[in-house]
Amino acid sequence: MTDSDLTEIREANARIEKAKQAERDARLDLGRAIARVRERGVKQSAIAKELDITREQVRRLEDTARKVDEGQA
C-alpha cells in the first residue's frame, strides 16, 4: 500500500465523518424546531404524524436537543 492509497482512504473516511457530524447537527436542529413548536402547543402526535415517526422518537429528538443546549449531553 502506498502513501497515495492511504491518503485516498483517509480522505474518504474524513468525508464519512463529516457526513455523520452533519447528520447529528441536523437532528439537533430538528429537535430544536420540535421544541419551539411544542412550546406553541403543537402535540407530539401531530409532529410524529407529519414526520412519519413515532411519538417516542419526537420526544427523544426534543429531549436530546434540550440536553445538548443545556450542556448535559
N, C-alpha and C. Protein backbone atom coordinates (compact mmCIF):
# COMPACT_ATOMS: atom_id res chain seq x y z
N MET A 1 0.86 -1.18 0.00
CA MET A 1 0.00 0.00 0.00
C MET A 1 0.90 1.23 0.00
N THR A 2 0.55 2.18 -0.83
CA THR A 2 1.36 3.38 -0.96
C THR A 2 0.78 4.51 -0.12
N ASP A 3 1.57 5.57 0.03
CA ASP A 3 1.08 6.75 0.74
C ASP A 3 -0.14 7.33 0.04
N SER A 4 -0.15 7.24 -1.27
CA SER A 4 -1.27 7.74 -2.06
C SER A 4 -2.54 6.95 -1.74
N ASP A 5 -2.39 5.64 -1.60
CA ASP A 5 -3.54 4.80 -1.24
C ASP A 5 -4.08 5.20 0.13
N LEU A 6 -3.18 5.39 1.06
CA LEU A 6 -3.59 5.76 2.42
C LEU A 6 -4.26 7.12 2.44
N THR A 7 -3.74 8.05 1.66
CA THR A 7 -4.34 9.38 1.58
C THR A 7 -5.77 9.29 1.06
N GLU A 8 -5.97 8.48 0.03
CA GLU A 8 -7.31 8.29 -0.54
C GLU A 8 -8.27 7.71 0.50
N ILE A 9 -7.79 6.73 1.24
CA ILE A 9 -8.61 6.11 2.28
C ILE A 9 -8.92 7.11 3.39
N ARG A 10 -7.93 7.86 3.82
CA ARG A 10 -8.14 8.85 4.88
C ARG A 10 -9.14 9.93 4.44
N GLU A 11 -9.01 10.38 3.19
CA GLU A 11 -9.93 11.40 2.69
C GLU A 11 -11.36 10.88 2.62
N ALA A 12 -11.53 9.65 2.17
CA ALA A 12 -12.87 9.05 2.11
C ALA A 12 -13.45 8.91 3.52
N ASN A 13 -12.62 8.48 4.44
CA ASN A 13 -13.07 8.33 5.82
C ASN A 13 -13.43 9.69 6.42
N ALA A 14 -12.66 10.72 6.11
CA ALA A 14 -12.96 12.06 6.61
C ALA A 14 -14.30 12.56 6.09
N ARG A 15 -14.62 12.23 4.83
CA ARG A 15 -15.93 12.62 4.27
C ARG A 15 -17.06 11.91 5.01
N ILE A 16 -16.86 10.65 5.36
CA ILE A 16 -17.87 9.93 6.13
C ILE A 16 -18.06 10.57 7.50
N GLU A 17 -16.98 10.89 8.17
CA GLU A 17 -17.08 11.52 9.50
C GLU A 17 -17.77 12.88 9.41
N LYS A 18 -17.48 13.63 8.35
CA LYS A 18 -18.12 14.92 8.15
C LYS A 18 -19.62 14.75 7.93
N ALA A 19 -20.00 13.74 7.17
CA ALA A 19 -21.42 13.46 6.93
C ALA A 19 -22.12 13.03 8.21
N LYS A 20 -21.46 12.25 9.03
CA LYS A 20 -22.04 11.84 10.32
C LYS A 20 -22.28 13.05 11.21
N GLN A 21 -21.33 13.97 11.24
CA GLN A 21 -21.48 15.18 12.04
C GLN A 21 -22.61 16.04 11.50
N ALA A 22 -22.72 16.12 10.18
CA ALA A 22 -23.81 16.89 9.57
C ALA A 22 -25.17 16.28 9.95
N GLU A 23 -25.25 14.96 9.99
CA GLU A 23 -26.50 14.31 10.39
C GLU A 23 -26.81 14.60 11.85
N ARG A 24 -25.81 14.54 12.72
CA ARG A 24 -26.03 14.86 14.14
C ARG A 24 -26.52 16.30 14.30
N ASP A 25 -25.90 17.21 13.57
CA ASP A 25 -26.30 18.62 13.62
C ASP A 25 -27.73 18.80 13.14
N ALA A 26 -28.09 18.11 12.06
CA ALA A 26 -29.45 18.21 11.52
C ALA A 26 -30.47 17.66 12.50
N ARG A 27 -30.14 16.58 13.19
CA ARG A 27 -31.04 16.01 14.20
C ARG A 27 -31.24 16.98 15.35
N LEU A 28 -30.17 17.65 15.75
CA LEU A 28 -30.31 18.66 16.81
C LEU A 28 -31.17 19.82 16.34
N ASP A 29 -30.98 20.25 15.10
CA ASP A 29 -31.82 21.31 14.54
C ASP A 29 -33.29 20.90 14.54
N LEU A 30 -33.55 19.65 14.16
CA LEU A 30 -34.92 19.15 14.16
C LEU A 30 -35.48 19.11 15.57
N GLY A 31 -34.68 18.65 16.51
CA GLY A 31 -35.12 18.62 17.91
C GLY A 31 -35.43 20.01 18.44
N ARG A 32 -34.63 20.98 18.05
CA ARG A 32 -34.88 22.37 18.47
C ARG A 32 -36.16 22.90 17.84
N ALA A 33 -36.38 22.59 16.57
CA ALA A 33 -37.60 23.02 15.90
C ALA A 33 -38.82 22.38 16.56
N ILE A 34 -38.70 21.12 16.90
CA ILE A 34 -39.79 20.43 17.60
C ILE A 34 -40.07 21.13 18.92
N ALA A 35 -39.03 21.46 19.68
CA ALA A 35 -39.22 22.13 20.97
C ALA A 35 -39.94 23.46 20.79
N ARG A 36 -39.57 24.22 19.75
CA ARG A 36 -40.21 25.52 19.52
C ARG A 36 -41.70 25.37 19.21
N VAL A 37 -42.04 24.42 18.35
CA VAL A 37 -43.46 24.27 18.01
C VAL A 37 -44.24 23.64 19.16
N ARG A 38 -43.59 22.82 19.95
CA ARG A 38 -44.25 22.24 21.14
C ARG A 38 -44.57 23.35 22.13
N GLU A 39 -43.69 24.34 22.26
CA GLU A 39 -43.96 25.47 23.15
C GLU A 39 -45.17 26.27 22.69
N ARG A 40 -45.48 26.18 21.40
CA ARG A 40 -46.65 26.87 20.87
C ARG A 40 -47.90 25.99 20.91
N GLY A 41 -47.78 24.83 21.54
CA GLY A 41 -48.94 23.99 21.76
C GLY A 41 -49.16 22.85 20.78
N VAL A 42 -48.24 22.65 19.85
CA VAL A 42 -48.40 21.54 18.90
C VAL A 42 -48.10 20.23 19.63
N LYS A 43 -48.95 19.26 19.44
CA LYS A 43 -48.81 17.98 20.14
C LYS A 43 -47.77 17.09 19.47
N GLN A 44 -47.14 16.25 20.31
CA GLN A 44 -46.17 15.31 19.79
C GLN A 44 -46.79 14.41 18.72
N SER A 45 -48.01 14.01 18.93
CA SER A 45 -48.66 13.11 17.96
C SER A 45 -48.81 13.76 16.59
N ALA A 46 -49.09 15.07 16.56
CA ALA A 46 -49.21 15.76 15.28
C ALA A 46 -47.86 15.86 14.58
N ILE A 47 -46.82 16.12 15.36
CA ILE A 47 -45.47 16.19 14.79
C ILE A 47 -45.06 14.82 14.27
N ALA A 48 -45.33 13.79 15.06
CA ALA A 48 -44.99 12.42 14.66
C ALA A 48 -45.67 12.05 13.35
N LYS A 49 -46.93 12.40 13.24
CA LYS A 49 -47.67 12.09 12.02
C LYS A 49 -47.05 12.82 10.83
N GLU A 50 -46.73 14.09 11.00
CA GLU A 50 -46.13 14.88 9.92
C GLU A 50 -44.79 14.30 9.47
N LEU A 51 -43.98 13.84 10.43
CA LEU A 51 -42.64 13.33 10.12
C LEU A 51 -42.62 11.84 9.82
N ASP A 52 -43.77 11.18 10.02
CA ASP A 52 -43.88 9.73 9.84
C ASP A 52 -42.90 8.98 10.74
N ILE A 53 -42.88 9.41 12.00
CA ILE A 53 -42.09 8.74 13.03
C ILE A 53 -43.01 8.54 14.24
N THR A 54 -42.50 7.86 15.25
CA THR A 54 -43.33 7.63 16.44
C THR A 54 -43.29 8.85 17.36
N ARG A 55 -44.27 8.93 18.24
CA ARG A 55 -44.31 9.98 19.24
C ARG A 55 -43.08 9.90 20.14
N GLU A 56 -42.64 8.69 20.44
CA GLU A 56 -41.45 8.49 21.26
C GLU A 56 -40.21 9.05 20.57
N GLN A 57 -40.11 8.89 19.26
CA GLN A 57 -38.97 9.45 18.52
C GLN A 57 -39.00 10.98 18.58
N VAL A 58 -40.20 11.55 18.50
CA VAL A 58 -40.34 13.00 18.62
C VAL A 58 -39.84 13.44 19.99
N ARG A 59 -40.27 12.73 21.03
CA ARG A 59 -39.87 13.07 22.39
C ARG A 59 -38.35 12.99 22.54
N ARG A 60 -37.75 11.95 22.00
CA ARG A 60 -36.29 11.78 22.12
C ARG A 60 -35.52 12.88 21.38
N LEU A 61 -35.98 13.23 20.18
CA LEU A 61 -35.33 14.31 19.43
C LEU A 61 -35.36 15.61 20.22
N GLU A 62 -36.53 15.94 20.75
CA GLU A 62 -36.68 17.17 21.54
C GLU A 62 -35.83 17.11 22.81
N ASP A 63 -35.87 16.00 23.50
CA ASP A 63 -35.13 15.83 24.75
C ASP A 63 -33.62 15.95 24.52
N THR A 64 -33.13 15.30 23.48
CA THR A 64 -31.69 15.36 23.17
C THR A 64 -31.25 16.79 22.88
N ALA A 65 -32.02 17.50 22.08
CA ALA A 65 -31.67 18.89 21.75
C ALA A 65 -31.63 19.75 23.00
N ARG A 66 -32.60 19.58 23.88
CA ARG A 66 -32.62 20.37 25.12
C ARG A 66 -31.39 20.05 25.99
N LYS A 67 -31.07 18.77 26.10
CA LYS A 67 -29.92 18.38 26.92
C LYS A 67 -28.62 18.95 26.35
N VAL A 68 -28.47 18.89 25.05
CA VAL A 68 -27.26 19.45 24.43
C VAL A 68 -27.18 20.94 24.67
N ASP A 69 -28.30 21.61 24.49
CA ASP A 69 -28.32 23.07 24.68
C ASP A 69 -28.08 23.46 26.13
N GLU A 70 -28.44 22.59 27.06
CA GLU A 70 -28.24 22.85 28.48
C GLU A 70 -26.88 22.34 28.96
N GLY A 71 -26.10 21.74 28.05
CA GLY A 71 -24.78 21.25 28.40
C GLY A 71 -24.78 19.95 29.16
N GLN A 72 -25.87 19.21 29.07
CA GLN A 72 -25.99 17.94 29.80
C GLN A 72 -25.65 16.73 28.94
N ALA A 73 -25.44 16.94 27.67
CA ALA A 73 -25.15 15.79 26.80
C ALA A 73 -23.81 15.95 26.11
